[in-house]
Amino acid sequence: MKKTLCLIATILCVSLSSFGQTKWKIDPVHSNIQFEVSHLAISTVTGKFSDFECTVESKRNSFEDAKIDAVVQVKSLTTDNLTRDKHLKEDDFFNAEKYPIMTFKSESFVKKTDTQYQVTGWLTIRDVTKKVSFPAEYSGMAKLGEKTISAFKANFVINRFDYNLTWSDTIDTGSLVVGEEVKVKLNLELVKI
């Protein structure tokens, strides 16, 4: 009888642990959020956000159906040009005073292969929230001392006009000074907590 009870208890513990959540937090020192946009229709301006947080909850070490919650501080935007950065933080673009953060909350995180996932969620910039979907590449998992680290890369494109970043000055040819499409590039290291 004791053996049977011990066996049942063991099975219950294993079953319950399979429903547990693994939590991850972004390592900002080894992560970056970059963007690029066309300038004068002939070149490209690049920039980044240096202040952001991201948490991920997943089942065990598998990221299938993971939940992502990210916050980016708009004032941390830099393109290595103070005049341009000031303009980008004004109402023509982000209006950092009124809308100091951008957010992303996932709706689904679907595993396609061992290294490929499809991420869908809600991106909020200024006062606009829109659904976005993009592929993410899982780079793997590593141990560093007591830390367990995972990494992802992702690229996607948004239309800045969709998010009320509406500055639309043009050059003589009629092309926009700042392009409509913005390419976003994510390199994220996550540390298990």
N, C-alpha and C. Protein backbone atom coordinates (compact mmCIF):
# COMPACT_ATOMS: atom_id res chain seq x y z
N MET A 1 0.83 -1.20 0.00
CA MET A 1 0.00 0.00 0.00
C MET A 1 0.87 1.26 0.00
N LYS A 2 1.94 1.25 0.85
CA LYS A 2 2.83 2.41 0.89
C LYS A 2 3.49 2.64 -0.46
N LYS A 3 3.91 1.54 -1.10
CA LYS A 3 4.56 1.66 -2.41
C LYS A 3 3.59 2.26 -3.42
N THR A 4 2.34 1.84 -3.37
CA THR A 4 1.33 2.36 -4.30
C THR A 4 1.11 3.85 -4.08
N LEU A 5 1.02 4.27 -2.79
CA LEU A 5 0.83 5.69 -2.48
C LEU A 5 2.04 6.51 -2.94
N CYS A 6 3.24 5.98 -2.73
CA CYS A 6 4.46 6.69 -3.16
C CYS A 6 4.48 6.84 -4.68
N LEU A 7 4.08 5.79 -5.38
CA LEU A 7 4.05 5.82 -6.84
C LEU A 7 3.05 6.86 -7.34
N ILE A 8 1.85 6.89 -6.73
CA ILE A 8 0.83 7.88 -7.10
C ILE A 8 1.32 9.29 -6.83
N ALA A 9 1.97 9.50 -5.68
CA ALA A 9 2.50 10.82 -5.33
C ALA A 9 3.56 11.27 -6.33
N THR A 10 4.42 10.34 -6.72
CA THR A 10 5.47 10.66 -7.70
C THR A 10 4.86 11.05 -9.04
N ILE A 11 3.87 10.29 -9.49
CA ILE A 11 3.20 10.59 -10.77
C ILE A 11 2.54 11.95 -10.71
N LEU A 12 1.88 12.26 -9.57
CA LEU A 12 1.23 13.56 -9.42
C LEU A 12 2.25 14.70 -9.47
N CYS A 13 3.37 14.51 -8.80
CA CYS A 13 4.39 15.56 -8.79
C CYS A 13 4.94 15.81 -10.19
N VAL A 14 5.20 14.74 -10.93
CA VAL A 14 5.71 14.88 -12.29
C VAL A 14 4.67 15.54 -13.17
N SER A 15 3.40 15.15 -13.01
CA SER A 15 2.32 15.72 -13.82
C SER A 15 2.16 17.20 -13.53
N LEU A 16 2.17 17.57 -12.24
CA LEU A 16 2.01 18.97 -11.88
C LEU A 16 3.18 19.82 -12.34
N SER A 17 4.38 19.26 -12.28
CA SER A 17 5.56 20.03 -12.70
C SER A 17 5.53 20.31 -14.19
N SER A 18 4.87 19.44 -14.94
CA SER A 18 4.81 19.65 -16.38
C SER A 18 3.95 20.85 -16.74
N PHE A 19 3.10 21.29 -15.80
CA PHE A 19 2.27 22.46 -16.04
C PHE A 19 2.91 23.74 -15.49
N GLY A 20 4.08 23.60 -14.89
CA GLY A 20 4.74 24.77 -14.32
C GLY A 20 5.23 25.72 -15.39
N GLN A 21 5.48 26.94 -15.00
CA GLN A 21 5.93 27.96 -15.93
C GLN A 21 7.41 28.26 -15.68
N THR A 22 8.13 28.46 -16.77
CA THR A 22 9.50 28.93 -16.70
C THR A 22 9.49 30.41 -17.06
N LYS A 23 10.13 31.22 -16.24
CA LYS A 23 10.15 32.66 -16.48
C LYS A 23 11.53 33.10 -16.93
N TRP A 24 11.53 34.01 -17.90
CA TRP A 24 12.75 34.55 -18.46
C TRP A 24 12.68 36.07 -18.42
N LYS A 25 13.84 36.70 -18.28
CA LYS A 25 13.92 38.16 -18.30
C LYS A 25 15.02 38.57 -19.25
N ILE A 26 14.79 39.67 -19.96
CA ILE A 26 15.76 40.14 -20.95
C ILE A 26 17.07 40.53 -20.27
N ASP A 27 18.18 40.23 -20.91
CA ASP A 27 19.49 40.73 -20.49
C ASP A 27 19.79 41.94 -21.38
N PRO A 28 19.56 43.17 -20.89
CA PRO A 28 19.70 44.35 -21.75
C PRO A 28 21.13 44.61 -22.22
N VAL A 29 22.10 44.08 -21.51
CA VAL A 29 23.50 44.29 -21.90
C VAL A 29 23.84 43.51 -23.16
N HIS A 30 23.14 42.39 -23.38
CA HIS A 30 23.42 41.53 -24.53
C HIS A 30 22.23 41.45 -25.48
N SER A 31 21.39 42.47 -25.47
CA SER A 31 20.21 42.52 -26.34
C SER A 31 20.14 43.89 -26.99
N ASN A 32 19.47 43.97 -28.13
CA ASN A 32 19.27 45.27 -28.75
C ASN A 32 18.01 45.31 -29.62
N ILE A 33 17.45 46.50 -29.70
CA ILE A 33 16.32 46.79 -30.57
C ILE A 33 16.76 47.87 -31.52
N GLN A 34 16.87 47.52 -32.79
CA GLN A 34 17.35 48.45 -33.80
C GLN A 34 16.25 48.70 -34.83
N PHE A 35 16.39 49.80 -35.56
CA PHE A 35 15.47 50.07 -36.66
C PHE A 35 16.21 50.78 -37.78
N GLU A 36 15.65 50.69 -38.98
CA GLU A 36 16.20 51.46 -40.10
C GLU A 36 15.06 51.93 -41.00
N VAL A 37 15.27 53.09 -41.60
CA VAL A 37 14.25 53.70 -42.43
C VAL A 37 14.96 54.47 -43.55
N SER A 38 14.34 54.52 -44.72
CA SER A 38 14.98 55.20 -45.84
C SER A 38 15.00 56.71 -45.61
N HIS A 39 16.04 57.35 -46.17
CA HIS A 39 16.20 58.80 -46.07
C HIS A 39 16.41 59.36 -47.47
N LEU A 40 15.55 60.30 -47.86
CA LEU A 40 15.61 60.94 -49.17
C LEU A 40 15.46 59.94 -50.32
N ALA A 41 14.92 58.77 -50.01
CA ALA A 41 14.69 57.69 -50.98
C ALA A 41 15.97 57.12 -51.58
N ILE A 42 17.13 57.50 -51.04
CA ILE A 42 18.39 57.01 -51.62
C ILE A 42 19.33 56.39 -50.59
N SER A 43 19.06 56.62 -49.30
CA SER A 43 19.96 56.08 -48.28
C SER A 43 19.15 55.59 -47.09
N THR A 44 19.84 55.19 -46.05
CA THR A 44 19.18 54.60 -44.88
C THR A 44 19.70 55.22 -43.60
N VAL A 45 18.79 55.52 -42.69
CA VAL A 45 19.15 55.96 -41.34
C VAL A 45 18.86 54.81 -40.39
N THR A 46 19.80 54.53 -39.49
CA THR A 46 19.60 53.48 -38.50
C THR A 46 19.54 54.09 -37.10
N GLY A 47 18.86 53.40 -36.22
CA GLY A 47 18.76 53.85 -34.83
C GLY A 47 18.49 52.69 -33.92
N LYS A 48 18.37 53.00 -32.63
CA LYS A 48 18.11 51.94 -31.65
C LYS A 48 17.42 52.54 -30.44
N PHE A 49 16.85 51.66 -29.63
CA PHE A 49 16.33 52.01 -28.31
C PHE A 49 17.21 51.29 -27.28
N SER A 50 17.70 52.04 -26.31
CA SER A 50 18.66 51.46 -25.37
C SER A 50 18.05 51.10 -24.02
N ASP A 51 16.79 51.50 -23.77
CA ASP A 51 16.15 51.22 -22.48
C ASP A 51 14.85 50.45 -22.73
N PHE A 52 14.86 49.18 -22.39
CA PHE A 52 13.69 48.33 -22.61
C PHE A 52 13.70 47.16 -21.65
N GLU A 53 12.52 46.61 -21.42
CA GLU A 53 12.35 45.44 -20.56
C GLU A 53 11.50 44.42 -21.29
N CYS A 54 11.75 43.16 -21.03
CA CYS A 54 10.96 42.11 -21.65
C CYS A 54 10.95 40.89 -20.72
N THR A 55 9.78 40.35 -20.49
CA THR A 55 9.66 39.10 -19.74
C THR A 55 8.95 38.07 -20.60
N VAL A 56 9.34 36.83 -20.42
CA VAL A 56 8.75 35.72 -21.17
C VAL A 56 8.40 34.63 -20.19
N GLU A 57 7.19 34.10 -20.30
CA GLU A 57 6.78 32.94 -19.51
C GLU A 57 6.51 31.80 -20.47
N SER A 58 7.13 30.66 -20.19
CA SER A 58 6.97 29.51 -21.08
C SER A 58 6.83 28.24 -20.25
N LYS A 59 6.36 27.20 -20.91
CA LYS A 59 6.25 25.90 -20.25
C LYS A 59 7.61 25.23 -20.29
N ARG A 60 8.18 25.01 -19.12
CA ARG A 60 9.51 24.41 -19.00
C ARG A 60 10.51 25.18 -19.86
N ASN A 61 11.38 24.47 -20.60
CA ASN A 61 12.35 25.15 -21.46
C ASN A 61 11.87 25.27 -22.89
N SER A 62 10.68 24.78 -23.17
CA SER A 62 10.11 24.95 -24.50
C SER A 62 9.41 26.29 -24.56
N PHE A 63 9.57 27.01 -25.66
CA PHE A 63 8.94 28.32 -25.79
C PHE A 63 7.59 28.24 -26.51
N GLU A 64 7.13 27.02 -26.78
CA GLU A 64 5.81 26.85 -27.38
C GLU A 64 4.76 27.52 -26.50
N ASP A 65 3.93 28.37 -27.11
CA ASP A 65 2.86 29.10 -26.41
C ASP A 65 3.38 30.05 -25.34
N ALA A 66 4.62 30.52 -25.48
CA ALA A 66 5.17 31.48 -24.50
C ALA A 66 4.37 32.77 -24.52
N LYS A 67 4.38 33.45 -23.39
CA LYS A 67 3.74 34.76 -23.26
C LYS A 67 4.84 35.82 -23.13
N ILE A 68 4.78 36.84 -23.98
CA ILE A 68 5.80 37.88 -24.01
C ILE A 68 5.17 39.21 -23.61
N ASP A 69 5.88 39.94 -22.77
CA ASP A 69 5.44 41.27 -22.35
C ASP A 69 6.66 42.19 -22.41
N ALA A 70 6.63 43.17 -23.32
CA ALA A 70 7.79 44.05 -23.51
C ALA A 70 7.40 45.51 -23.41
N VAL A 71 8.31 46.31 -22.84
CA VAL A 71 8.11 47.76 -22.72
C VAL A 71 9.39 48.45 -23.17
N VAL A 72 9.24 49.44 -24.07
CA VAL A 72 10.39 50.20 -24.58
C VAL A 72 10.21 51.66 -24.20
N GLN A 73 11.25 52.26 -23.62
CA GLN A 73 11.22 53.67 -23.27
C GLN A 73 11.57 54.50 -24.49
N VAL A 74 10.62 55.30 -24.97
CA VAL A 74 10.80 56.06 -26.20
C VAL A 74 11.95 57.05 -26.09
N LYS A 75 12.14 57.65 -24.93
CA LYS A 75 13.20 58.65 -24.77
C LYS A 75 14.60 58.05 -24.93
N SER A 76 14.71 56.73 -24.93
CA SER A 76 16.02 56.10 -25.09
C SER A 76 16.42 55.97 -26.57
N LEU A 77 15.57 56.45 -27.47
CA LEU A 77 15.86 56.40 -28.90
C LEU A 77 17.12 57.20 -29.23
N THR A 78 17.97 56.62 -30.07
CA THR A 78 19.13 57.36 -30.55
C THR A 78 19.46 56.94 -31.98
N THR A 79 19.81 57.94 -32.80
CA THR A 79 20.31 57.69 -34.15
C THR A 79 21.71 58.29 -34.30
N ASP A 80 22.33 58.62 -33.18
CA ASP A 80 23.66 59.24 -33.14
C ASP A 80 23.67 60.63 -33.77
N ASN A 81 22.52 61.31 -33.71
CA ASN A 81 22.43 62.69 -34.18
C ASN A 81 21.42 63.40 -33.29
N LEU A 82 21.89 64.31 -32.45
CA LEU A 82 21.04 64.94 -31.44
C LEU A 82 19.87 65.71 -32.05
N THR A 83 20.10 66.41 -33.15
CA THR A 83 19.03 67.19 -33.79
C THR A 83 17.94 66.26 -34.31
N ARG A 84 18.34 65.21 -34.99
CA ARG A 84 17.38 64.24 -35.51
C ARG A 84 16.65 63.53 -34.37
N ASP A 85 17.38 63.14 -33.33
CA ASP A 85 16.76 62.45 -32.20
C ASP A 85 15.70 63.33 -31.54
N LYS A 86 16.01 64.62 -31.41
CA LYS A 86 15.04 65.56 -30.81
C LYS A 86 13.77 65.60 -31.66
N HIS A 87 13.92 65.67 -32.98
CA HIS A 87 12.76 65.71 -33.87
C HIS A 87 11.94 64.42 -33.76
N LEU A 88 12.61 63.29 -33.71
CA LEU A 88 11.91 62.00 -33.62
C LEU A 88 11.10 61.88 -32.32
N LYS A 89 11.53 62.56 -31.28
CA LYS A 89 10.83 62.49 -30.00
C LYS A 89 9.71 63.52 -29.89
N GLU A 90 9.60 64.38 -30.90
CA GLU A 90 8.54 65.39 -30.91
C GLU A 90 7.26 64.83 -31.55
N ASP A 91 6.22 65.67 -31.64
CA ASP A 91 4.90 65.19 -32.06
C ASP A 91 4.84 64.77 -33.53
N ASP A 92 5.77 65.22 -34.37
CA ASP A 92 5.81 64.74 -35.75
C ASP A 92 5.99 63.22 -35.81
N PHE A 93 6.64 62.70 -34.79
CA PHE A 93 6.91 61.26 -34.75
C PHE A 93 6.36 60.65 -33.45
N PHE A 94 7.22 60.36 -32.49
CA PHE A 94 6.81 59.57 -31.32
C PHE A 94 6.07 60.35 -30.23
N ASN A 95 6.31 61.64 -30.12
CA ASN A 95 5.78 62.45 -29.02
C ASN A 95 6.09 61.76 -27.68
N ALA A 96 7.37 61.71 -27.37
CA ALA A 96 7.84 60.99 -26.18
C ALA A 96 7.29 61.53 -24.88
N GLU A 97 6.95 62.83 -24.85
CA GLU A 97 6.39 63.40 -23.62
C GLU A 97 5.00 62.83 -23.33
N LYS A 98 4.17 62.77 -24.34
CA LYS A 98 2.80 62.29 -24.15
C LYS A 98 2.70 60.77 -24.16
N TYR A 99 3.56 60.13 -24.98
CA TYR A 99 3.53 58.67 -25.11
C TYR A 99 4.93 58.12 -24.82
N PRO A 100 5.30 58.03 -23.55
CA PRO A 100 6.69 57.71 -23.19
C PRO A 100 7.11 56.26 -23.42
N ILE A 101 6.14 55.37 -23.63
CA ILE A 101 6.51 53.96 -23.81
C ILE A 101 5.84 53.38 -25.06
N MET A 102 6.50 52.36 -25.60
CA MET A 102 5.91 51.47 -26.60
C MET A 102 5.79 50.11 -25.93
N THR A 103 4.77 49.33 -26.29
CA THR A 103 4.60 48.02 -25.66
C THR A 103 4.33 46.95 -26.71
N PHE A 104 4.66 45.73 -26.35
CA PHE A 104 4.29 44.56 -27.14
C PHE A 104 3.81 43.47 -26.19
N LYS A 105 2.63 42.93 -26.46
CA LYS A 105 2.09 41.80 -25.70
C LYS A 105 1.73 40.70 -26.67
N SER A 106 2.28 39.52 -26.46
CA SER A 106 2.04 38.44 -27.41
C SER A 106 0.65 37.85 -27.26
N GLU A 107 0.15 37.37 -28.38
CA GLU A 107 -1.11 36.63 -28.41
C GLU A 107 -0.83 35.15 -28.64
N SER A 108 0.18 34.86 -29.48
CA SER A 108 0.57 33.47 -29.71
C SER A 108 2.06 33.40 -30.03
N PHE A 109 2.63 32.24 -29.74
CA PHE A 109 4.05 31.98 -29.97
C PHE A 109 4.12 30.53 -30.45
N VAL A 110 4.11 30.35 -31.76
CA VAL A 110 3.90 29.02 -32.35
C VAL A 110 5.23 28.46 -32.86
N LYS A 111 5.54 27.25 -32.41
CA LYS A 111 6.77 26.59 -32.85
C LYS A 111 6.55 25.97 -34.22
N LYS A 112 7.38 26.35 -35.19
CA LYS A 112 7.30 25.81 -36.55
C LYS A 112 8.31 24.69 -36.77
N THR A 113 9.53 24.91 -36.29
CA THR A 113 10.60 23.91 -36.34
C THR A 113 11.38 24.04 -35.03
N ASP A 114 12.48 23.31 -34.91
CA ASP A 114 13.30 23.40 -33.70
C ASP A 114 13.88 24.80 -33.50
N THR A 115 14.04 25.55 -34.59
CA THR A 115 14.65 26.87 -34.48
C THR A 115 13.75 28.02 -34.95
N GLN A 116 12.58 27.71 -35.46
CA GLN A 116 11.71 28.75 -36.02
C GLN A 116 10.38 28.82 -35.28
N TYR A 117 10.00 30.04 -34.92
CA TYR A 117 8.71 30.29 -34.27
C TYR A 117 7.99 31.40 -35.04
N GLN A 118 6.68 31.44 -34.89
CA GLN A 118 5.89 32.55 -35.43
C GLN A 118 5.27 33.28 -34.25
N VAL A 119 5.58 34.56 -34.13
CA VAL A 119 5.12 35.37 -33.01
C VAL A 119 4.01 36.30 -33.50
N THR A 120 2.91 36.33 -32.78
CA THR A 120 1.82 37.25 -33.09
C THR A 120 1.43 37.97 -31.80
N GLY A 121 1.20 39.27 -31.92
CA GLY A 121 0.83 40.01 -30.72
C GLY A 121 0.43 41.43 -31.05
N TRP A 122 0.30 42.23 -30.01
CA TRP A 122 -0.23 43.58 -30.11
C TRP A 122 0.87 44.59 -29.82
N LEU A 123 1.18 45.39 -30.84
CA LEU A 123 2.21 46.43 -30.73
C LEU A 123 1.53 47.78 -30.55
N THR A 124 1.91 48.49 -29.49
CA THR A 124 1.35 49.82 -29.23
C THR A 124 2.45 50.87 -29.36
N ILE A 125 2.21 51.82 -30.27
CA ILE A 125 3.09 52.98 -30.44
C ILE A 125 2.19 54.21 -30.41
N ARG A 126 2.57 55.20 -29.62
CA ARG A 126 1.71 56.36 -29.39
C ARG A 126 0.35 55.86 -28.87
N ASP A 127 -0.74 56.28 -29.53
CA ASP A 127 -2.08 55.91 -29.08
C ASP A 127 -2.71 54.85 -29.99
N VAL A 128 -1.87 54.11 -30.72
CA VAL A 128 -2.36 53.12 -31.67
C VAL A 128 -1.85 51.73 -31.28
N THR A 129 -2.77 50.77 -31.27
CA THR A 129 -2.42 49.37 -31.02
C THR A 129 -2.83 48.56 -32.23
N LYS A 130 -1.88 47.80 -32.80
CA LYS A 130 -2.17 46.99 -33.97
C LYS A 130 -1.55 45.60 -33.80
N LYS A 131 -2.22 44.64 -34.42
CA LYS A 131 -1.69 43.27 -34.38
C LYS A 131 -0.56 43.14 -35.40
N VAL A 132 0.55 42.53 -34.97
CA VAL A 132 1.67 42.23 -35.85
C VAL A 132 2.02 40.75 -35.73
N SER A 133 2.56 40.20 -36.79
CA SER A 133 2.98 38.80 -36.78
C SER A 133 4.30 38.69 -37.53
N PHE A 134 5.25 37.98 -36.96
CA PHE A 134 6.57 37.89 -37.58
C PHE A 134 7.29 36.62 -37.15
N PRO A 135 8.22 36.13 -37.98
CA PRO A 135 9.00 34.94 -37.61
C PRO A 135 10.11 35.31 -36.63
N ALA A 136 10.42 34.38 -35.75
CA ALA A 136 11.53 34.56 -34.80
C ALA A 136 12.41 33.33 -34.86
N GLU A 137 13.70 33.56 -34.87
CA GLU A 137 14.67 32.46 -34.94
C GLU A 137 15.24 32.20 -33.55
N TYR A 138 15.09 30.96 -33.10
CA TYR A 138 15.63 30.54 -31.81
C TYR A 138 17.08 30.15 -32.01
N SER A 139 17.99 30.85 -31.31
CA SER A 139 19.42 30.61 -31.50
C SER A 139 19.98 29.52 -30.60
N GLY A 140 19.21 29.15 -29.56
CA GLY A 140 19.67 28.08 -28.69
C GLY A 140 19.72 28.47 -27.23
N MET A 141 20.26 27.55 -26.42
CA MET A 141 20.33 27.74 -24.98
C MET A 141 21.74 27.42 -24.51
N ALA A 142 22.21 28.17 -23.52
CA ALA A 142 23.56 27.97 -23.00
C ALA A 142 23.56 28.16 -21.49
N LYS A 143 24.55 27.55 -20.84
CA LYS A 143 24.76 27.73 -19.40
C LYS A 143 25.99 28.61 -19.21
N LEU A 144 25.86 29.59 -18.31
CA LEU A 144 26.99 30.44 -17.94
C LEU A 144 27.00 30.51 -16.43
N GLY A 145 27.85 29.68 -15.83
CA GLY A 145 27.84 29.55 -14.37
C GLY A 145 26.50 29.01 -13.92
N GLU A 146 25.80 29.76 -13.07
CA GLU A 146 24.49 29.34 -12.58
C GLU A 146 23.35 29.80 -13.50
N LYS A 147 23.68 30.59 -14.51
CA LYS A 147 22.65 31.15 -15.38
C LYS A 147 22.32 30.22 -16.55
N THR A 148 21.04 30.19 -16.91
CA THR A 148 20.59 29.56 -18.15
C THR A 148 20.12 30.66 -19.07
N ILE A 149 20.67 30.67 -20.28
CA ILE A 149 20.42 31.77 -21.22
C ILE A 149 19.89 31.21 -22.53
N SER A 150 18.86 31.88 -23.07
CA SER A 150 18.34 31.57 -24.40
C SER A 150 18.40 32.83 -25.25
N ALA A 151 18.36 32.64 -26.57
CA ALA A 151 18.45 33.80 -27.45
C ALA A 151 17.53 33.66 -28.66
N PHE A 152 17.00 34.79 -29.10
CA PHE A 152 16.14 34.86 -30.28
C PHE A 152 16.56 36.04 -31.14
N LYS A 153 16.31 35.90 -32.45
CA LYS A 153 16.48 37.00 -33.40
C LYS A 153 15.17 37.13 -34.18
N ALA A 154 14.81 38.36 -34.53
CA ALA A 154 13.61 38.57 -35.32
C ALA A 154 13.73 39.85 -36.12
N ASN A 155 13.11 39.86 -37.29
CA ASN A 155 13.05 41.05 -38.14
C ASN A 155 11.62 41.19 -38.65
N PHE A 156 11.12 42.41 -38.64
CA PHE A 156 9.81 42.66 -39.22
C PHE A 156 9.71 44.11 -39.67
N VAL A 157 8.67 44.41 -40.42
CA VAL A 157 8.48 45.74 -41.00
C VAL A 157 7.14 46.30 -40.55
N ILE A 158 7.12 47.57 -40.16
CA ILE A 158 5.86 48.25 -39.87
C ILE A 158 5.77 49.51 -40.73
N ASN A 159 4.55 49.97 -40.94
CA ASN A 159 4.32 51.23 -41.62
C ASN A 159 4.14 52.30 -40.53
N ARG A 160 5.03 53.28 -40.50
CA ARG A 160 4.99 54.26 -39.41
C ARG A 160 3.70 55.09 -39.42
N PHE A 161 3.10 55.30 -40.60
CA PHE A 161 1.85 56.05 -40.68
C PHE A 161 0.72 55.33 -39.95
N ASP A 162 0.79 54.00 -39.88
CA ASP A 162 -0.22 53.22 -39.15
C ASP A 162 -0.25 53.57 -37.67
N TYR A 163 0.86 54.11 -37.16
CA TYR A 163 0.99 54.41 -35.73
C TYR A 163 1.06 55.92 -35.47
N ASN A 164 0.55 56.69 -36.39
CA ASN A 164 0.48 58.16 -36.24
C ASN A 164 1.84 58.84 -36.14
N LEU A 165 2.86 58.25 -36.74
CA LEU A 165 4.15 58.92 -36.91
C LEU A 165 4.09 59.53 -38.30
N THR A 166 3.43 60.68 -38.40
CA THR A 166 2.88 61.13 -39.69
C THR A 166 3.67 62.21 -40.41
N TRP A 167 4.84 62.58 -39.92
CA TRP A 167 5.61 63.62 -40.62
C TRP A 167 5.84 63.18 -42.06
N SER A 168 5.49 64.05 -43.02
CA SER A 168 5.47 63.60 -44.43
C SER A 168 6.09 64.61 -45.38
N ASP A 169 7.11 65.34 -44.95
CA ASP A 169 7.78 66.25 -45.86
C ASP A 169 8.39 65.47 -47.03
N THR A 170 8.41 66.13 -48.19
CA THR A 170 8.92 65.47 -49.40
C THR A 170 10.07 66.28 -50.00
N ILE A 171 10.80 65.62 -50.89
CA ILE A 171 11.85 66.30 -51.65
C ILE A 171 11.28 66.67 -53.03
N ASP A 172 12.10 67.28 -53.88
CA ASP A 172 11.63 67.78 -55.19
C ASP A 172 11.00 66.70 -56.05
N THR A 173 11.45 65.47 -55.92
CA THR A 173 10.92 64.37 -56.74
C THR A 173 9.56 63.87 -56.23
N GLY A 174 9.15 64.35 -55.05
CA GLY A 174 7.91 63.87 -54.46
C GLY A 174 8.11 62.74 -53.46
N SER A 175 9.32 62.21 -53.37
CA SER A 175 9.61 61.14 -52.42
C SER A 175 9.66 61.69 -51.00
N LEU A 176 9.31 60.85 -50.04
CA LEU A 176 9.34 61.24 -48.64
C LEU A 176 10.78 61.45 -48.16
N VAL A 177 10.98 62.47 -47.32
CA VAL A 177 12.29 62.66 -46.69
C VAL A 177 12.60 61.45 -45.81
N VAL A 178 11.61 61.01 -45.02
CA VAL A 178 11.72 59.82 -44.18
C VAL A 178 10.74 58.78 -44.71
N GLY A 179 11.23 57.60 -45.00
CA GLY A 179 10.40 56.56 -45.60
C GLY A 179 9.21 56.15 -44.75
N GLU A 180 8.26 55.53 -45.42
CA GLU A 180 7.04 55.09 -44.77
C GLU A 180 7.25 53.79 -43.98
N GLU A 181 8.04 52.88 -44.54
CA GLU A 181 8.27 51.58 -43.90
C GLU A 181 9.49 51.63 -42.99
N VAL A 182 9.34 51.04 -41.82
CA VAL A 182 10.43 50.97 -40.84
C VAL A 182 10.76 49.50 -40.60
N LYS A 183 12.03 49.15 -40.80
CA LYS A 183 12.48 47.78 -40.54
C LYS A 183 12.95 47.69 -39.09
N VAL A 184 12.42 46.72 -38.36
CA VAL A 184 12.77 46.52 -36.95
C VAL A 184 13.58 45.24 -36.83
N LYS A 185 14.67 45.32 -36.09
CA LYS A 185 15.55 44.17 -35.91
C LYS A 185 15.75 43.93 -34.41
N LEU A 186 15.44 42.72 -33.96
CA LEU A 186 15.57 42.35 -32.55
C LEU A 186 16.63 41.29 -32.37
N ASN A 187 17.51 41.50 -31.41
CA ASN A 187 18.46 40.49 -30.95
C ASN A 187 18.31 40.41 -29.43
N LEU A 188 17.76 39.31 -28.96
CA LEU A 188 17.38 39.24 -27.55
C LEU A 188 18.02 38.04 -26.85
N GLU A 189 18.67 38.32 -25.72
CA GLU A 189 19.15 37.27 -24.83
C GLU A 189 18.24 37.26 -23.60
N LEU A 190 17.76 36.08 -23.24
CA LEU A 190 16.87 35.90 -22.10
C LEU A 190 17.56 35.06 -21.03
N VAL A 191 17.43 35.50 -19.79
CA VAL A 191 18.02 34.78 -18.66
C VAL A 191 16.89 34.18 -17.83
N LYS A 192 17.00 32.90 -17.54
CA LYS A 192 15.97 32.24 -16.74
C LYS A 192 16.00 32.77 -15.31
N ILE A 193 14.83 33.09 -14.76
CA ILE A 193 14.78 33.62 -13.39
C ILE A 193 13.94 32.71 -12.50
